[in-house]
């Protein structure tokens, strides 16, 4: 689990052409999205449909794991 300091520094990136990545916008239902999480040292970047939706930096995140929790849905 990420520290509260890491959560405080996580913020959405400016929206690109992908409407699912717009701040406050939810992904469209019944549509597949490619999700990518890149970790390098203390930096963590998340992308949905090619648009950056998450960026975090925290020295305590230099190693570990990333998890995905899907509520009322399926992850393939």
PDB file of N, CA and C in Angstrom:
ATOM      1  N   UNK A   1       0.853  -1.175   0.000  1.00  0.00           N
ATOM      2  CA  UNK A   1       0.000   0.000   0.000  1.00  0.00           C
ATOM      3  C   UNK A   1       0.896   1.233   0.000  1.00  0.00           C
ATOM      4  N   UNK A   2       0.526   2.232  -0.785  1.00  0.00           N
ATOM      5  CA  UNK A   2       1.315   3.465  -0.851  1.00  0.00           C
ATOM      6  C   UNK A   2       1.150   4.259   0.433  1.00  0.00           C
ATOM      7  N   UNK A   3       2.191   4.989   0.759  1.00  0.00           N
ATOM      8  CA  UNK A   3       2.119   5.818   1.960  1.00  0.00           C
ATOM      9  C   UNK A   3       1.184   6.990   1.732  1.00  0.00           C
ATOM     10  N   UNK A   4       0.743   7.609   2.814  1.00  0.00           N
ATOM     11  CA  UNK A   4      -0.134   8.770   2.673  1.00  0.00           C
ATOM     12  C   UNK A   4       0.600   9.905   1.988  1.00  0.00           C
ATOM     13  N   UNK A   5       1.929   9.987   2.161  1.00  0.00           N
ATOM     14  CA  UNK A   5       2.701  11.021   1.476  1.00  0.00           C
ATOM     15  C   UNK A   5       2.663  10.799  -0.029  1.00  0.00           C
ATOM     16  N   UNK A   6       2.740   9.539  -0.449  1.00  0.00           N
ATOM     17  CA  UNK A   6       2.675   9.243  -1.883  1.00  0.00           C
ATOM     18  C   UNK A   6       1.305   9.599  -2.433  1.00  0.00           C
ATOM     19  N   UNK A   7       0.246   9.262  -1.703  1.00  0.00           N
ATOM     20  CA  UNK A   7      -1.098   9.586  -2.162  1.00  0.00           C
ATOM     21  C   UNK A   7      -1.291  11.090  -2.267  1.00  0.00           C
ATOM     22  N   UNK A   8      -0.695  11.837  -1.391  1.00  0.00           N
ATOM     23  CA  UNK A   8      -0.853  13.291  -1.421  1.00  0.00           C
ATOM     24  C   UNK A   8      -0.197  13.900  -2.648  1.00  0.00           C
ATOM     25  N   UNK A   9       0.859  13.243  -3.172  1.00  0.00           N
ATOM     26  CA  UNK A   9       1.556  13.785  -4.333  1.00  0.00           C
ATOM     27  C   UNK A   9       1.035  13.249  -5.650  1.00  0.00           C
ATOM     28  N   UNK A  10       0.126  12.271  -5.620  1.00  0.00           N
ATOM     29  CA  UNK A  10      -0.452  11.739  -6.844  1.00  0.00           C
ATOM     30  C   UNK A  10      -1.492  12.729  -7.354  1.00  0.00           C
ATOM     31  N   UNK A  11      -1.372  13.084  -8.620  1.00  0.00           N
ATOM     32  CA  UNK A  11      -2.358  14.007  -9.162  1.00  0.00           C
ATOM     33  C   UNK A  11      -2.593  13.706 -10.626  1.00  0.00           C
ATOM     34  N   UNK A  12      -3.814  13.890 -11.113  1.00  0.00           N
ATOM     35  CA  UNK A  12      -4.097  13.646 -12.522  1.00  0.00           C
ATOM     36  C   UNK A  12      -3.285  14.585 -13.400  1.00  0.00           C
ATOM     37  N   UNK A  13      -2.887  14.062 -14.537  1.00  0.00           N
ATOM     38  CA  UNK A  13      -2.181  14.884 -15.515  1.00  0.00           C
ATOM     39  C   UNK A  13      -3.194  15.652 -16.338  1.00  0.00           C
ATOM     40  N   UNK A  14      -2.761  16.718 -17.017  1.00  0.00           N
ATOM     41  CA  UNK A  14      -3.684  17.432 -17.891  1.00  0.00           C
ATOM     42  C   UNK A  14      -4.269  16.485 -18.932  1.00  0.00           C
ATOM     43  N   UNK A  15      -5.524  16.679 -19.274  1.00  0.00           N
ATOM     44  CA  UNK A  15      -6.211  15.799 -20.218  1.00  0.00           C
ATOM     45  C   UNK A  15      -5.600  15.892 -21.605  1.00  0.00           C
ATOM     46  N   UNK A  16      -5.589  14.759 -22.299  1.00  0.00           N
ATOM     47  CA  UNK A  16      -5.166  14.712 -23.694  1.00  0.00           C
ATOM     48  C   UNK A  16      -6.403  14.411 -24.516  1.00  0.00           C
ATOM     49  N   UNK A  17      -6.223  13.856 -25.685  1.00  0.00           N
ATOM     50  CA  UNK A  17      -7.350  13.595 -26.577  1.00  0.00           C
ATOM     51  C   UNK A  17      -8.291  12.518 -26.057  1.00  0.00           C
ATOM     52  N   UNK A  18      -7.841  11.669 -25.159  1.00  0.00           N
ATOM     53  CA  UNK A  18      -8.656  10.577 -24.656  1.00  0.00           C
ATOM     54  C   UNK A  18      -9.654  11.091 -23.619  1.00  0.00           C
ATOM     55  N   UNK A  19     -10.961  11.016 -23.888  1.00  0.00           N
ATOM     56  CA  UNK A  19     -11.934  11.531 -22.917  1.00  0.00           C
ATOM     57  C   UNK A  19     -11.924  10.778 -21.602  1.00  0.00           C
ATOM     58  N   UNK A  20     -11.466   9.527 -21.583  1.00  0.00           N
ATOM     59  CA  UNK A  20     -11.430   8.775 -20.327  1.00  0.00           C
ATOM     60  C   UNK A  20     -10.376   9.330 -19.384  1.00  0.00           C
ATOM     61  N   UNK A  21      -9.413  10.085 -19.912  1.00  0.00           N
ATOM     62  CA  UNK A  21      -8.335  10.607 -19.075  1.00  0.00           C
ATOM     63  C   UNK A  21      -8.594  12.039 -18.612  1.00  0.00           C
ATOM     64  N   UNK A  22      -9.715  12.599 -18.972  1.00  0.00           N
ATOM     65  CA  UNK A  22     -10.034  13.951 -18.532  1.00  0.00           C
ATOM     66  C   UNK A  22     -10.220  13.964 -17.022  1.00  0.00           C
ATOM     67  N   UNK A  23      -9.720  15.016 -16.345  1.00  0.00           N
ATOM     68  CA  UNK A  23      -9.901  15.077 -14.894  1.00  0.00           C
ATOM     69  C   UNK A  23     -11.377  14.955 -14.525  1.00  0.00           C
ATOM     70  N   UNK A  24     -11.681  14.050 -13.630  1.00  0.00           N
ATOM     71  CA  UNK A  24     -13.051  13.875 -13.180  1.00  0.00           C
ATOM     72  C   UNK A  24     -13.899  12.983 -14.068  1.00  0.00           C
ATOM     73  N   UNK A  25     -13.397  12.620 -15.255  1.00  0.00           N
ATOM     74  CA  UNK A  25     -14.170  11.788 -16.171  1.00  0.00           C
ATOM     75  C   UNK A  25     -13.931  10.319 -15.859  1.00  0.00           C
ATOM     76  N   UNK A  26     -14.983   9.535 -15.930  1.00  0.00           N
ATOM     77  CA  UNK A  26     -14.865   8.094 -15.719  1.00  0.00           C
ATOM     78  C   UNK A  26     -14.718   7.410 -17.073  1.00  0.00           C
ATOM     79  N   UNK A  27     -14.031   6.296 -17.127  1.00  0.00           N
ATOM     80  CA  UNK A  27     -13.950   5.550 -18.388  1.00  0.00           C
ATOM     81  C   UNK A  27     -15.348   5.154 -18.844  1.00  0.00           C
ATOM     82  N   UNK A  28     -15.523   5.058 -20.145  1.00  0.00           N
ATOM     83  CA  UNK A  28     -16.832   4.671 -20.686  1.00  0.00           C
ATOM     84  C   UNK A  28     -17.086   3.191 -20.397  1.00  0.00           C
ATOM     85  N   UNK A  29     -18.342   2.856 -20.140  1.00  0.00           N
ATOM     86  CA  UNK A  29     -18.726   1.472 -19.877  1.00  0.00           C
ATOM     87  C   UNK A  29     -18.654   0.649 -21.155  1.00  0.00           C
ATOM     88  N   UNK A  30     -18.422  -0.638 -20.988  1.00  0.00           N
ATOM     89  CA  UNK A  30     -18.389  -1.609 -22.084  1.00  0.00           C
ATOM     90  C   UNK A  30     -17.379  -1.235 -23.166  1.00  0.00           C
ATOM     91  N   UNK A  31     -16.280  -0.664 -22.763  1.00  0.00           N
ATOM     92  CA  UNK A  31     -15.209  -0.313 -23.685  1.00  0.00           C
ATOM     93  C   UNK A  31     -13.888  -0.775 -23.070  1.00  0.00           C
ATOM     94  N   UNK A  32     -13.041  -1.370 -23.880  1.00  0.00           N
ATOM     95  CA  UNK A  32     -11.752  -1.855 -23.384  1.00  0.00           C
ATOM     96  C   UNK A  32     -10.732  -0.722 -23.401  1.00  0.00           C
ATOM     97  N   UNK A  33      -9.948  -0.644 -22.349  1.00  0.00           N
ATOM     98  CA  UNK A  33      -8.862   0.332 -22.250  1.00  0.00           C
ATOM     99  C   UNK A  33      -7.581  -0.408 -21.911  1.00  0.00           C
ATOM    100  N   UNK A  34      -6.488   0.028 -22.474  1.00  0.00           N
ATOM    101  CA  UNK A  34      -5.182  -0.518 -22.100  1.00  0.00           C
ATOM    102  C   UNK A  34      -4.656   0.333 -20.942  1.00  0.00           C
ATOM    103  N   UNK A  35      -4.310  -0.342 -19.855  1.00  0.00           N
ATOM    104  CA  UNK A  35      -3.768   0.352 -18.691  1.00  0.00           C
ATOM    105  C   UNK A  35      -2.296  -0.017 -18.550  1.00  0.00           C
ATOM    106  N   UNK A  36      -1.446   0.988 -18.396  1.00  0.00           N
ATOM    107  CA  UNK A  36      -0.011   0.774 -18.256  1.00  0.00           C
ATOM    108  C   UNK A  36       0.444   1.487 -16.986  1.00  0.00           C
ATOM    109  N   UNK A  37       1.228   0.775 -16.173  1.00  0.00           N
ATOM    110  CA  UNK A  37       1.849   1.375 -14.996  1.00  0.00           C
ATOM    111  C   UNK A  37       3.348   1.206 -15.158  1.00  0.00           C
ATOM    112  N   UNK A  38       4.067   2.335 -15.161  1.00  0.00           N
ATOM    113  CA  UNK A  38       5.516   2.312 -15.310  1.00  0.00           C
ATOM    114  C   UNK A  38       6.142   2.756 -13.989  1.00  0.00           C
ATOM    115  N   UNK A  39       7.112   1.977 -13.530  1.00  0.00           N
ATOM    116  CA  UNK A  39       7.818   2.316 -12.302  1.00  0.00           C
ATOM    117  C   UNK A  39       9.304   2.383 -12.602  1.00  0.00           C
ATOM    118  N   UNK A  40       9.935   3.474 -12.190  1.00  0.00           N
ATOM    119  CA  UNK A  40      11.380   3.647 -12.352  1.00  0.00           C
ATOM    120  C   UNK A  40      11.894   4.359 -11.114  1.00  0.00           C
ATOM    121  N   UNK A  41      12.606   3.618 -10.272  1.00  0.00           N
ATOM    122  CA  UNK A  41      13.109   4.217  -9.035  1.00  0.00           C
ATOM    123  C   UNK A  41      11.967   4.699  -8.175  1.00  0.00           C
ATOM    124  N   UNK A  42      11.967   5.979  -7.853  1.00  0.00           N
ATOM    125  CA  UNK A  42      10.917   6.533  -6.993  1.00  0.00           C
ATOM    126  C   UNK A  42       9.740   7.094  -7.778  1.00  0.00           C
ATOM    127  N   UNK A  43       9.767   6.979  -9.108  1.00  0.00           N
ATOM    128  CA  UNK A  43       8.699   7.545  -9.938  1.00  0.00           C
ATOM    129  C   UNK A  43       7.718   6.469 -10.394  1.00  0.00           C
ATOM    130  N   UNK A  44       6.434   6.786 -10.350  1.00  0.00           N
ATOM    131  CA  UNK A  44       5.371   5.894 -10.772  1.00  0.00           C
ATOM    132  C   UNK A  44       4.465   6.674 -11.709  1.00  0.00           C
ATOM    133  N   UNK A  45       4.209   6.119 -12.898  1.00  0.00           N
ATOM    134  CA  UNK A  45       3.355   6.781 -13.890  1.00  0.00           C
ATOM    135  C   UNK A  45       2.284   5.792 -14.322  1.00  0.00           C
ATOM    136  N   UNK A  46       1.038   6.238 -14.359  1.00  0.00           N
ATOM    137  CA  UNK A  46      -0.069   5.410 -14.818  1.00  0.00           C
ATOM    138  C   UNK A  46      -0.695   6.022 -16.057  1.00  0.00           C
ATOM    139  N   UNK A  47      -0.993   5.173 -17.043  1.00  0.00           N
ATOM    140  CA  UNK A  47      -1.621   5.626 -18.285  1.00  0.00           C
ATOM    141  C   UNK A  47      -2.855   4.788 -18.557  1.00  0.00           C
ATOM    142  N   UNK A  48      -3.881   5.425 -19.077  1.00  0.00           N
ATOM    143  CA  UNK A  48      -5.109   4.747 -19.468  1.00  0.00           C
ATOM    144  C   UNK A  48      -5.420   5.155 -20.895  1.00  0.00           C
ATOM    145  N   UNK A  49      -5.462   4.198 -21.789  1.00  0.00           N
ATOM    146  CA  UNK A  49      -5.720   4.518 -23.191  1.00  0.00           C
ATOM    147  C   UNK A  49      -4.651   5.411 -23.787  1.00  0.00           C
ATOM    148  N   UNK A  50      -3.423   5.345 -23.294  1.00  0.00           N
ATOM    149  CA  UNK A  50      -2.318   6.145 -23.809  1.00  0.00           C
ATOM    150  C   UNK A  50      -2.161   7.513 -23.168  1.00  0.00           C
ATOM    151  N   UNK A  51      -3.112   7.937 -22.383  1.00  0.00           N
ATOM    152  CA  UNK A  51      -3.047   9.255 -21.734  1.00  0.00           C
ATOM    153  C   UNK A  51      -2.596   9.101 -20.283  1.00  0.00           C
ATOM    154  N   UNK A  52      -1.642   9.916 -19.864  1.00  0.00           N
ATOM    155  CA  UNK A  52      -1.161   9.850 -18.483  1.00  0.00           C
ATOM    156  C   UNK A  52      -2.253  10.345 -17.542  1.00  0.00           C
ATOM    157  N   UNK A  53      -2.590   9.494 -16.572  1.00  0.00           N
ATOM    158  CA  UNK A  53      -3.639   9.856 -15.613  1.00  0.00           C
ATOM    159  C   UNK A  53      -3.120   9.921 -14.191  1.00  0.00           C
ATOM    160  N   UNK A  54      -1.862   9.471 -13.985  1.00  0.00           N
ATOM    161  CA  UNK A  54      -1.320   9.440 -12.638  1.00  0.00           C
ATOM    162  C   UNK A  54       0.185   9.609 -12.692  1.00  0.00           C
ATOM    163  N   UNK A  55       0.715  10.431 -11.808  1.00  0.00           N
ATOM    164  CA  UNK A  55       2.167  10.578 -11.654  1.00  0.00           C
ATOM    165  C   UNK A  55       2.453  10.769 -10.173  1.00  0.00           C
ATOM    166  N   UNK A  56       3.418   9.989  -9.667  1.00  0.00           N
ATOM    167  CA  UNK A  56       3.773  10.090  -8.256  1.00  0.00           C
ATOM    168  C   UNK A  56       5.275   9.923  -8.111  1.00  0.00           C
ATOM    169  N   UNK A  57       5.820  10.564  -7.093  1.00  0.00           N
ATOM    170  CA  UNK A  57       7.243  10.411  -6.762  1.00  0.00           C
ATOM    171  C   UNK A  57       7.363  10.325  -5.253  1.00  0.00           C
ATOM    172  N   UNK A  58       8.002   9.256  -4.794  1.00  0.00           N
ATOM    173  CA  UNK A  58       8.178   9.054  -3.362  1.00  0.00           C
ATOM    174  C   UNK A  58       9.306   8.044  -3.191  1.00  0.00           C
ATOM    175  N   UNK A  59      10.316   8.386  -2.427  1.00  0.00           N
ATOM    176  CA  UNK A  59      11.471   7.509  -2.225  1.00  0.00           C
ATOM    177  C   UNK A  59      11.068   6.174  -1.605  1.00  0.00           C
ATOM    178  N   UNK A  60       9.971   6.140  -0.852  1.00  0.00           N
ATOM    179  CA  UNK A  60       9.543   4.875  -0.241  1.00  0.00           C
ATOM    180  C   UNK A  60       8.947   3.928  -1.277  1.00  0.00           C
ATOM    181  N   UNK A  61       8.719   4.412  -2.514  1.00  0.00           N
ATOM    182  CA  UNK A  61       8.163   3.587  -3.585  1.00  0.00           C
ATOM    183  C   UNK A  61       9.251   3.026  -4.499  1.00  0.00           C
ATOM    184  N   UNK A  62      10.513   3.062  -4.090  1.00  0.00           N
ATOM    185  CA  UNK A  62      11.615   2.627  -4.949  1.00  0.00           C
ATOM    186  C   UNK A  62      11.560   1.135  -5.263  1.00  0.00           C
ATOM    187  N   UNK A  63      10.824   0.354  -4.507  1.00  0.00           N
ATOM    188  CA  UNK A  63      10.638  -1.056  -4.823  1.00  0.00           C
ATOM    189  C   UNK A  63       9.304  -1.494  -4.250  1.00  0.00           C
ATOM    190  N   UNK A  64       8.776  -2.586  -4.777  1.00  0.00           N
ATOM    191  CA  UNK A  64       7.502  -3.092  -4.285  1.00  0.00           C
ATOM    192  C   UNK A  64       6.635  -3.578  -5.412  1.00  0.00           C
ATOM    193  N   UNK A  65       5.334  -3.524  -5.222  1.00  0.00           N
ATOM    194  CA  UNK A  65       4.375  -4.058  -6.188  1.00  0.00           C
ATOM    195  C   UNK A  65       3.261  -3.055  -6.440  1.00  0.00           C
ATOM    196  N   UNK A  66       2.580  -3.257  -7.545  1.00  0.00           N
ATOM    197  CA  UNK A  66       1.424  -2.444  -7.908  1.00  0.00           C
ATOM    198  C   UNK A  66       0.227  -3.373  -7.967  1.00  0.00           C
ATOM    199  N   UNK A  67      -0.901  -2.943  -7.432  1.00  0.00           N
ATOM    200  CA  UNK A  67      -2.110  -3.760  -7.464  1.00  0.00           C
ATOM    201  C   UNK A  67      -3.252  -3.025  -8.142  1.00  0.00           C
ATOM    202  N   UNK A  68      -4.210  -3.769  -8.619  1.00  0.00           N
ATOM    203  CA  UNK A  68      -5.391  -3.212  -9.265  1.00  0.00           C
ATOM    204  C   UNK A  68      -6.614  -3.817  -8.603  1.00  0.00           C
ATOM    205  N   UNK A  69      -7.518  -2.968  -8.171  1.00  0.00           N
ATOM    206  CA  UNK A  69      -8.749  -3.416  -7.540  1.00  0.00           C
ATOM    207  C   UNK A  69      -9.908  -3.008  -8.438  1.00  0.00           C
ATOM    208  N   UNK A  70     -10.658  -3.979  -8.920  1.00  0.00           N
ATOM    209  CA  UNK A  70     -11.795  -3.722  -9.796  1.00  0.00           C
ATOM    210  C   UNK A  70     -13.055  -4.073  -9.024  1.00  0.00           C
ATOM    211  N   UNK A  71     -13.914  -3.099  -8.821  1.00  0.00           N
ATOM    212  CA  UNK A  71     -15.157  -3.318  -8.081  1.00  0.00           C
ATOM    213  C   UNK A  71     -16.309  -3.558  -9.044  1.00  0.00           C
ATOM    214  N   UNK A  72     -17.089  -4.578  -8.784  1.00  0.00           N
ATOM    215  CA  UNK A  72     -18.268  -4.898  -9.601  1.00  0.00           C
ATOM    216  C   UNK A  72     -17.932  -5.009 -11.079  1.00  0.00           C
ATOM    217  N   UNK A  73     -16.809  -5.554 -11.393  1.00  0.00           N
ATOM    218  CA  UNK A  73     -16.418  -5.715 -12.791  1.00  0.00           C
ATOM    219  C   UNK A  73     -15.450  -6.860 -12.951  1.00  0.00           C
ATOM    220  N   UNK A  74     -14.858  -6.941 -14.134  1.00  0.00           N
ATOM    221  CA  UNK A  74     -13.896  -7.996 -14.406  1.00  0.00           C
ATOM    222  C   UNK A  74     -12.643  -7.375 -15.002  1.00  0.00           C
ATOM    223  N   UNK A  75     -11.530  -7.923 -14.653  1.00  0.00           N
ATOM    224  CA  UNK A  75     -10.255  -7.538 -15.245  1.00  0.00           C
ATOM    225  C   UNK A  75      -9.711  -8.750 -15.989  1.00  0.00           C
ATOM    226  N   UNK A  76      -9.364  -8.572 -17.237  1.00  0.00           N
ATOM    227  CA  UNK A  76      -8.841  -9.695 -18.032  1.00  0.00           C
ATOM    228  C   UNK A  76      -7.342  -9.609 -18.134  1.00  0.00           C
TER     229      UNK A  76
END
